[in-house]
């Protein structure tokens, strides 16, 4: 297989891709994410789709951003950015349902220059299992 820039590259499966992506940053536990968010130094971003949020609830204080809008909403220079997307040094913790899609999302944020972006190990399910706060979806 040849990439668009002409380099030969062998195809990889999703498990290998996740492994590669995750070596580029340090993932954090639910408790670490909770503590970081409490200090006000971290933006928690929930990328789960609406049906999961409705079924399981919300992480209090997390910003909800659909996965297909994530880069547009967090690019500090973007015209569609969230007010919280104040700069490239923003510490972002992305959470999905179980911690898989969030890894790919964090890697994508790195490509935008958000090098402090990471994701939550185990996602929302691990957050809830750790007994951390969850509120009902509105």
N, C-alpha and C. Protein backbone atom coordinates (compact mmCIF):
# COMPACT_ATOMS: atom_id res chain seq x y z
N UNK A 1 0.84 -1.16 0.00
CA UNK A 1 0.00 0.00 0.00
C UNK A 1 0.89 1.24 0.00
N UNK A 2 0.50 2.26 -0.73
CA UNK A 2 1.24 3.50 -0.78
C UNK A 2 0.38 4.63 -0.22
N UNK A 3 0.97 5.44 0.64
CA UNK A 3 0.25 6.57 1.22
C UNK A 3 0.17 7.69 0.19
N UNK A 4 -0.67 8.70 0.43
CA UNK A 4 -0.78 9.80 -0.52
C UNK A 4 0.54 10.52 -0.80
N UNK A 5 1.48 10.47 0.14
CA UNK A 5 2.77 11.12 -0.10
C UNK A 5 3.80 10.17 -0.71
N UNK A 6 3.36 8.98 -1.14
CA UNK A 6 4.22 8.07 -1.87
C UNK A 6 5.01 7.08 -1.05
N UNK A 7 4.84 7.08 0.27
CA UNK A 7 5.58 6.14 1.11
C UNK A 7 4.85 4.80 1.20
N UNK A 8 5.63 3.74 1.25
CA UNK A 8 5.04 2.42 1.41
C UNK A 8 4.66 2.24 2.88
N UNK A 9 3.48 1.73 3.09
CA UNK A 9 3.01 1.50 4.45
C UNK A 9 2.17 0.24 4.47
N UNK A 10 2.42 -0.61 5.47
CA UNK A 10 1.62 -1.82 5.56
C UNK A 10 0.36 -1.51 6.34
N UNK A 11 -0.74 -2.12 5.95
CA UNK A 11 -1.98 -1.90 6.68
C UNK A 11 -1.87 -2.43 8.11
N UNK A 12 -2.56 -1.75 9.03
CA UNK A 12 -2.59 -2.21 10.42
C UNK A 12 -4.04 -2.39 10.84
N UNK A 13 -4.26 -3.26 11.79
CA UNK A 13 -5.58 -3.44 12.37
C UNK A 13 -5.81 -2.41 13.46
N UNK A 14 -7.03 -2.30 13.92
CA UNK A 14 -7.39 -1.29 14.91
C UNK A 14 -6.65 -1.51 16.23
N UNK A 15 -6.42 -2.75 16.64
CA UNK A 15 -5.71 -2.98 17.90
C UNK A 15 -4.28 -2.45 17.83
N UNK A 16 -3.61 -2.70 16.71
CA UNK A 16 -2.25 -2.18 16.54
C UNK A 16 -2.26 -0.66 16.45
N UNK A 17 -3.23 -0.11 15.75
CA UNK A 17 -3.33 1.35 15.64
C UNK A 17 -3.53 1.98 17.01
N UNK A 18 -4.41 1.43 17.82
CA UNK A 18 -4.62 1.94 19.18
C UNK A 18 -3.33 1.87 19.99
N UNK A 19 -2.63 0.76 19.88
CA UNK A 19 -1.36 0.61 20.61
C UNK A 19 -0.37 1.68 20.19
N UNK A 20 -0.24 1.92 18.90
CA UNK A 20 0.67 2.95 18.39
C UNK A 20 0.27 4.34 18.89
N UNK A 21 -1.00 4.65 18.76
CA UNK A 21 -1.51 5.96 19.15
C UNK A 21 -1.25 6.22 20.63
N UNK A 22 -1.51 5.23 21.44
CA UNK A 22 -1.40 5.39 22.89
C UNK A 22 0.04 5.54 23.38
N UNK A 23 1.02 5.17 22.56
CA UNK A 23 2.41 5.37 22.98
C UNK A 23 2.81 6.83 22.87
N UNK A 24 1.98 7.64 22.22
CA UNK A 24 2.31 9.05 22.02
C UNK A 24 1.91 9.98 23.15
N UNK A 25 1.24 9.46 24.18
CA UNK A 25 0.83 10.28 25.30
C UNK A 25 0.51 9.39 26.49
N UNK A 26 0.34 10.00 27.65
CA UNK A 26 0.01 9.24 28.86
C UNK A 26 -1.48 9.34 29.13
N UNK A 27 -2.14 8.20 29.13
CA UNK A 27 -3.57 8.15 29.45
C UNK A 27 -3.75 8.29 30.95
N UNK A 28 -4.95 8.70 31.39
CA UNK A 28 -5.14 8.87 32.81
C UNK A 28 -6.34 8.08 33.32
N UNK A 29 -6.30 7.80 34.61
CA UNK A 29 -7.36 7.02 35.26
C UNK A 29 -8.55 7.93 35.56
N UNK A 30 -9.70 7.32 35.84
CA UNK A 30 -10.85 8.13 36.22
C UNK A 30 -10.58 9.03 37.42
N UNK A 31 -9.92 8.51 38.44
CA UNK A 31 -9.64 9.32 39.64
C UNK A 31 -8.73 10.50 39.30
N UNK A 32 -7.72 10.26 38.46
CA UNK A 32 -6.83 11.36 38.04
C UNK A 32 -7.59 12.41 37.27
N UNK A 33 -8.50 11.98 36.39
CA UNK A 33 -9.31 12.92 35.61
C UNK A 33 -10.22 13.73 36.53
N UNK A 34 -10.82 13.07 37.49
CA UNK A 34 -11.70 13.73 38.44
C UNK A 34 -10.94 14.81 39.21
N UNK A 35 -9.78 14.46 39.73
CA UNK A 35 -8.97 15.42 40.49
C UNK A 35 -8.52 16.58 39.62
N UNK A 36 -8.09 16.29 38.41
CA UNK A 36 -7.64 17.35 37.50
C UNK A 36 -8.79 18.30 37.15
N UNK A 37 -9.97 17.76 36.94
CA UNK A 37 -11.13 18.60 36.62
C UNK A 37 -11.53 19.45 37.82
N UNK A 38 -11.40 18.92 39.01
CA UNK A 38 -11.76 19.67 40.22
C UNK A 38 -10.86 20.88 40.42
N UNK A 39 -9.62 20.80 39.99
CA UNK A 39 -8.70 21.93 40.16
C UNK A 39 -8.98 23.04 39.14
N UNK A 40 -9.77 22.73 38.12
CA UNK A 40 -10.07 23.73 37.10
C UNK A 40 -9.03 23.82 36.01
N UNK A 41 -8.03 22.95 36.06
CA UNK A 41 -6.93 22.97 35.09
C UNK A 41 -7.22 22.10 33.87
N UNK A 42 -8.31 21.38 33.89
CA UNK A 42 -8.58 20.37 32.86
C UNK A 42 -9.98 20.53 32.30
N UNK A 43 -10.08 20.35 30.99
CA UNK A 43 -11.38 20.33 30.33
C UNK A 43 -11.74 18.89 30.02
N UNK A 44 -12.80 18.38 30.66
CA UNK A 44 -13.30 17.04 30.34
C UNK A 44 -14.23 17.18 29.15
N UNK A 45 -14.03 16.34 28.14
CA UNK A 45 -14.83 16.39 26.93
C UNK A 45 -15.44 15.02 26.69
N UNK A 46 -16.76 14.96 26.72
CA UNK A 46 -17.51 13.73 26.53
C UNK A 46 -17.92 13.62 25.07
N UNK A 47 -17.40 12.61 24.37
CA UNK A 47 -17.70 12.45 22.94
C UNK A 47 -18.70 11.32 22.69
N UNK A 48 -19.30 10.78 23.76
CA UNK A 48 -20.28 9.70 23.57
C UNK A 48 -21.49 10.23 22.82
N UNK A 49 -22.13 9.36 22.07
CA UNK A 49 -23.31 9.79 21.34
C UNK A 49 -24.50 9.88 22.29
N UNK A 50 -25.52 10.61 21.87
CA UNK A 50 -26.64 10.97 22.73
C UNK A 50 -27.33 9.78 23.38
N UNK A 51 -27.49 8.68 22.66
CA UNK A 51 -28.19 7.52 23.23
C UNK A 51 -27.45 6.98 24.45
N UNK A 52 -26.12 6.99 24.43
CA UNK A 52 -25.36 6.52 25.59
C UNK A 52 -25.45 7.50 26.74
N UNK A 53 -25.41 8.79 26.44
CA UNK A 53 -25.56 9.79 27.50
C UNK A 53 -26.94 9.69 28.13
N UNK A 54 -27.97 9.50 27.30
CA UNK A 54 -29.33 9.36 27.81
C UNK A 54 -29.48 8.12 28.68
N UNK A 55 -28.86 7.03 28.25
CA UNK A 55 -28.97 5.76 28.96
C UNK A 55 -28.19 5.77 30.28
N UNK A 56 -26.95 6.26 30.23
CA UNK A 56 -26.04 6.10 31.36
C UNK A 56 -25.84 7.34 32.22
N UNK A 57 -26.15 8.50 31.69
CA UNK A 57 -25.95 9.73 32.44
C UNK A 57 -24.74 10.52 31.97
N UNK A 58 -24.46 11.59 32.73
CA UNK A 58 -23.42 12.55 32.35
C UNK A 58 -22.38 12.69 33.44
N UNK A 59 -21.18 13.07 33.04
CA UNK A 59 -20.14 13.44 34.00
C UNK A 59 -20.34 14.93 34.28
N UNK A 60 -20.61 15.29 35.53
CA UNK A 60 -20.83 16.71 35.84
C UNK A 60 -19.62 17.56 35.44
N UNK A 61 -19.90 18.64 34.76
CA UNK A 61 -18.84 19.56 34.34
C UNK A 61 -18.21 19.24 33.01
N UNK A 62 -18.46 18.05 32.48
CA UNK A 62 -17.87 17.69 31.18
C UNK A 62 -18.60 18.44 30.06
N UNK A 63 -17.84 18.86 29.08
CA UNK A 63 -18.38 19.50 27.90
C UNK A 63 -18.76 18.40 26.91
N UNK A 64 -19.95 18.47 26.38
CA UNK A 64 -20.38 17.47 25.40
C UNK A 64 -20.05 17.98 24.00
N UNK A 65 -19.27 17.20 23.28
CA UNK A 65 -18.90 17.52 21.91
C UNK A 65 -19.01 16.24 21.10
N UNK A 66 -19.89 16.22 20.14
CA UNK A 66 -20.00 15.05 19.28
C UNK A 66 -18.65 14.79 18.62
N UNK A 67 -18.31 13.53 18.45
CA UNK A 67 -17.00 13.17 17.91
C UNK A 67 -16.73 13.82 16.56
N UNK A 68 -17.73 13.92 15.71
CA UNK A 68 -17.50 14.49 14.38
C UNK A 68 -17.29 16.00 14.42
N UNK A 69 -17.44 16.65 15.57
CA UNK A 69 -17.22 18.08 15.70
C UNK A 69 -16.00 18.41 16.56
N UNK A 70 -15.37 17.41 17.13
CA UNK A 70 -14.33 17.61 18.14
C UNK A 70 -13.23 18.57 17.70
N UNK A 71 -12.64 18.32 16.56
CA UNK A 71 -11.51 19.15 16.12
C UNK A 71 -11.94 20.59 15.89
N UNK A 72 -13.12 20.79 15.34
CA UNK A 72 -13.61 22.15 15.08
C UNK A 72 -13.88 22.89 16.38
N UNK A 73 -14.37 22.19 17.38
CA UNK A 73 -14.73 22.82 18.65
C UNK A 73 -13.52 23.09 19.55
N UNK A 74 -12.45 22.32 19.40
CA UNK A 74 -11.30 22.49 20.29
C UNK A 74 -10.10 23.17 19.66
N UNK A 75 -10.14 23.44 18.37
CA UNK A 75 -9.05 24.17 17.71
C UNK A 75 -9.06 25.61 18.23
N UNK A 76 -8.02 26.02 18.97
CA UNK A 76 -8.01 27.37 19.53
C UNK A 76 -8.08 28.48 18.48
N UNK A 77 -7.72 28.18 17.25
CA UNK A 77 -7.76 29.18 16.19
C UNK A 77 -8.97 29.03 15.28
N UNK A 78 -9.82 28.06 15.57
CA UNK A 78 -10.95 27.76 14.69
C UNK A 78 -12.11 28.73 14.88
N UNK A 79 -12.82 28.94 13.82
CA UNK A 79 -13.97 29.85 13.86
C UNK A 79 -15.16 29.24 14.59
N UNK A 80 -15.15 27.94 14.81
CA UNK A 80 -16.26 27.26 15.48
C UNK A 80 -15.86 26.73 16.85
N UNK A 81 -14.81 27.27 17.42
CA UNK A 81 -14.29 26.75 18.69
C UNK A 81 -15.21 27.08 19.86
N UNK A 82 -15.11 26.23 20.87
CA UNK A 82 -15.80 26.48 22.13
C UNK A 82 -15.09 27.61 22.88
N UNK A 83 -15.79 28.35 23.70
CA UNK A 83 -15.13 29.39 24.50
C UNK A 83 -14.02 28.82 25.39
N UNK A 84 -14.17 27.55 25.81
CA UNK A 84 -13.17 26.91 26.66
C UNK A 84 -11.88 26.57 25.92
N UNK A 85 -11.91 26.56 24.61
CA UNK A 85 -10.73 26.22 23.80
C UNK A 85 -9.84 27.45 23.69
N UNK A 86 -9.14 27.72 24.77
CA UNK A 86 -8.41 28.98 24.91
C UNK A 86 -6.99 28.97 24.36
N UNK A 87 -6.41 27.82 24.17
CA UNK A 87 -5.03 27.78 23.67
C UNK A 87 -4.56 26.36 23.50
N UNK A 88 -3.41 26.23 22.86
CA UNK A 88 -2.85 24.91 22.59
C UNK A 88 -2.32 24.23 23.85
N UNK A 89 -2.15 24.99 24.93
CA UNK A 89 -1.66 24.39 26.17
C UNK A 89 -2.78 23.86 27.05
N UNK A 90 -4.01 23.90 26.56
CA UNK A 90 -5.17 23.41 27.31
C UNK A 90 -5.02 21.92 27.60
N UNK A 91 -5.26 21.55 28.85
CA UNK A 91 -5.25 20.13 29.21
C UNK A 91 -6.65 19.58 28.97
N UNK A 92 -6.78 18.69 27.99
CA UNK A 92 -8.05 18.12 27.59
C UNK A 92 -8.03 16.63 27.92
N UNK A 93 -9.11 16.16 28.56
CA UNK A 93 -9.29 14.73 28.78
C UNK A 93 -10.55 14.33 28.03
N UNK A 94 -10.37 13.50 27.00
CA UNK A 94 -11.49 13.04 26.19
C UNK A 94 -12.00 11.73 26.78
N UNK A 95 -13.33 11.63 26.87
CA UNK A 95 -13.88 10.36 27.32
C UNK A 95 -14.97 9.90 26.37
N UNK A 96 -14.94 8.62 26.09
CA UNK A 96 -15.97 7.98 25.29
C UNK A 96 -16.63 6.95 26.20
N UNK A 97 -17.24 5.95 25.66
CA UNK A 97 -17.93 4.98 26.51
C UNK A 97 -16.97 4.04 27.23
N UNK A 98 -15.98 3.49 26.50
CA UNK A 98 -15.10 2.49 27.11
C UNK A 98 -13.61 2.78 26.92
N UNK A 99 -13.26 3.91 26.33
CA UNK A 99 -11.85 4.28 26.23
C UNK A 99 -11.16 3.88 24.94
N UNK A 100 -11.90 3.64 23.88
CA UNK A 100 -11.28 3.29 22.61
C UNK A 100 -11.34 4.47 21.64
N UNK A 101 -12.53 4.94 21.32
CA UNK A 101 -12.67 6.08 20.41
C UNK A 101 -11.97 7.31 20.96
N UNK A 102 -11.94 7.43 22.28
CA UNK A 102 -11.30 8.60 22.89
C UNK A 102 -9.79 8.60 22.64
N UNK A 103 -9.18 7.45 22.52
CA UNK A 103 -7.74 7.39 22.22
C UNK A 103 -7.46 7.95 20.83
N UNK A 104 -8.29 7.57 19.87
CA UNK A 104 -8.12 8.09 18.51
C UNK A 104 -8.41 9.59 18.48
N UNK A 105 -9.39 10.03 19.27
CA UNK A 105 -9.73 11.45 19.33
C UNK A 105 -8.58 12.26 19.94
N UNK A 106 -7.98 11.75 21.01
CA UNK A 106 -6.86 12.46 21.64
C UNK A 106 -5.69 12.59 20.67
N UNK A 107 -5.43 11.53 19.92
CA UNK A 107 -4.35 11.59 18.93
C UNK A 107 -4.65 12.64 17.87
N UNK A 108 -5.88 12.75 17.47
CA UNK A 108 -6.26 13.76 16.49
C UNK A 108 -6.06 15.17 17.05
N UNK A 109 -6.35 15.36 18.32
CA UNK A 109 -6.12 16.67 18.95
C UNK A 109 -4.63 17.00 19.00
N UNK A 110 -3.80 15.99 19.19
CA UNK A 110 -2.35 16.20 19.16
C UNK A 110 -1.94 16.76 17.80
N UNK A 111 -2.53 16.25 16.74
CA UNK A 111 -2.21 16.74 15.40
C UNK A 111 -2.57 18.21 15.22
N UNK A 112 -3.54 18.70 16.00
CA UNK A 112 -3.91 20.11 15.97
C UNK A 112 -3.01 20.96 16.87
N UNK A 113 -2.07 20.33 17.55
CA UNK A 113 -1.18 21.05 18.44
C UNK A 113 -1.62 21.08 19.89
N UNK A 114 -2.67 20.35 20.23
CA UNK A 114 -3.13 20.27 21.61
C UNK A 114 -2.39 19.10 22.28
N UNK A 115 -1.11 19.33 22.60
CA UNK A 115 -0.23 18.26 23.05
C UNK A 115 -0.50 17.78 24.46
N UNK A 116 -1.33 18.49 25.21
CA UNK A 116 -1.70 18.05 26.55
C UNK A 116 -2.99 17.23 26.54
N UNK A 117 -3.51 16.96 25.36
CA UNK A 117 -4.73 16.15 25.25
C UNK A 117 -4.42 14.70 25.61
N UNK A 118 -5.35 14.08 26.29
CA UNK A 118 -5.23 12.68 26.66
C UNK A 118 -6.63 12.08 26.69
N UNK A 119 -6.72 10.85 27.12
CA UNK A 119 -8.05 10.25 27.26
C UNK A 119 -8.14 9.44 28.53
N UNK A 120 -9.37 9.11 28.86
CA UNK A 120 -9.69 8.43 30.09
C UNK A 120 -9.64 6.92 29.90
N UNK A 121 -8.78 6.26 30.63
CA UNK A 121 -8.67 4.80 30.57
C UNK A 121 -10.02 4.19 30.98
N UNK A 122 -10.60 3.41 30.10
CA UNK A 122 -11.87 2.76 30.40
C UNK A 122 -13.10 3.60 30.16
N UNK A 123 -12.91 4.86 29.80
CA UNK A 123 -14.02 5.74 29.45
C UNK A 123 -15.04 5.95 30.55
N UNK A 124 -16.24 6.33 30.13
CA UNK A 124 -17.32 6.61 31.06
C UNK A 124 -17.62 5.41 31.95
N UNK A 125 -17.56 4.22 31.40
CA UNK A 125 -17.87 3.02 32.19
C UNK A 125 -16.91 2.87 33.37
N UNK A 126 -15.64 3.18 33.17
CA UNK A 126 -14.67 3.12 34.26
C UNK A 126 -14.91 4.24 35.27
N UNK A 127 -15.29 5.43 34.76
CA UNK A 127 -15.61 6.56 35.64
C UNK A 127 -16.74 6.14 36.60
N UNK A 128 -17.80 5.60 36.03
CA UNK A 128 -18.96 5.19 36.84
C UNK A 128 -18.59 4.06 37.79
N UNK A 129 -17.82 3.08 37.32
CA UNK A 129 -17.41 1.95 38.15
C UNK A 129 -16.53 2.40 39.33
N UNK A 130 -15.82 3.52 39.16
CA UNK A 130 -14.97 4.06 40.23
C UNK A 130 -15.79 4.81 41.27
N UNK A 131 -17.11 4.92 41.03
CA UNK A 131 -17.97 5.61 41.98
C UNK A 131 -17.91 7.12 41.90
N UNK A 132 -17.41 7.63 40.80
CA UNK A 132 -17.31 9.08 40.63
C UNK A 132 -18.67 9.66 40.24
N UNK A 133 -18.87 10.95 40.42
CA UNK A 133 -20.20 11.55 40.20
C UNK A 133 -20.73 11.36 38.78
N UNK A 134 -22.00 11.03 38.70
CA UNK A 134 -22.74 10.90 37.44
C UNK A 134 -24.10 11.52 37.70
N UNK A 135 -24.56 12.32 36.74
CA UNK A 135 -25.90 12.89 36.85
C UNK A 135 -26.77 12.36 35.71
N UNK A 136 -28.06 12.42 35.91
CA UNK A 136 -28.99 11.97 34.87
C UNK A 136 -28.93 12.92 33.69
N UNK A 137 -29.10 12.37 32.51
CA UNK A 137 -29.15 13.19 31.30
C UNK A 137 -30.42 14.03 31.35
N UNK A 138 -30.31 15.25 30.87
CA UNK A 138 -31.45 16.17 30.93
C UNK A 138 -32.38 15.99 29.76
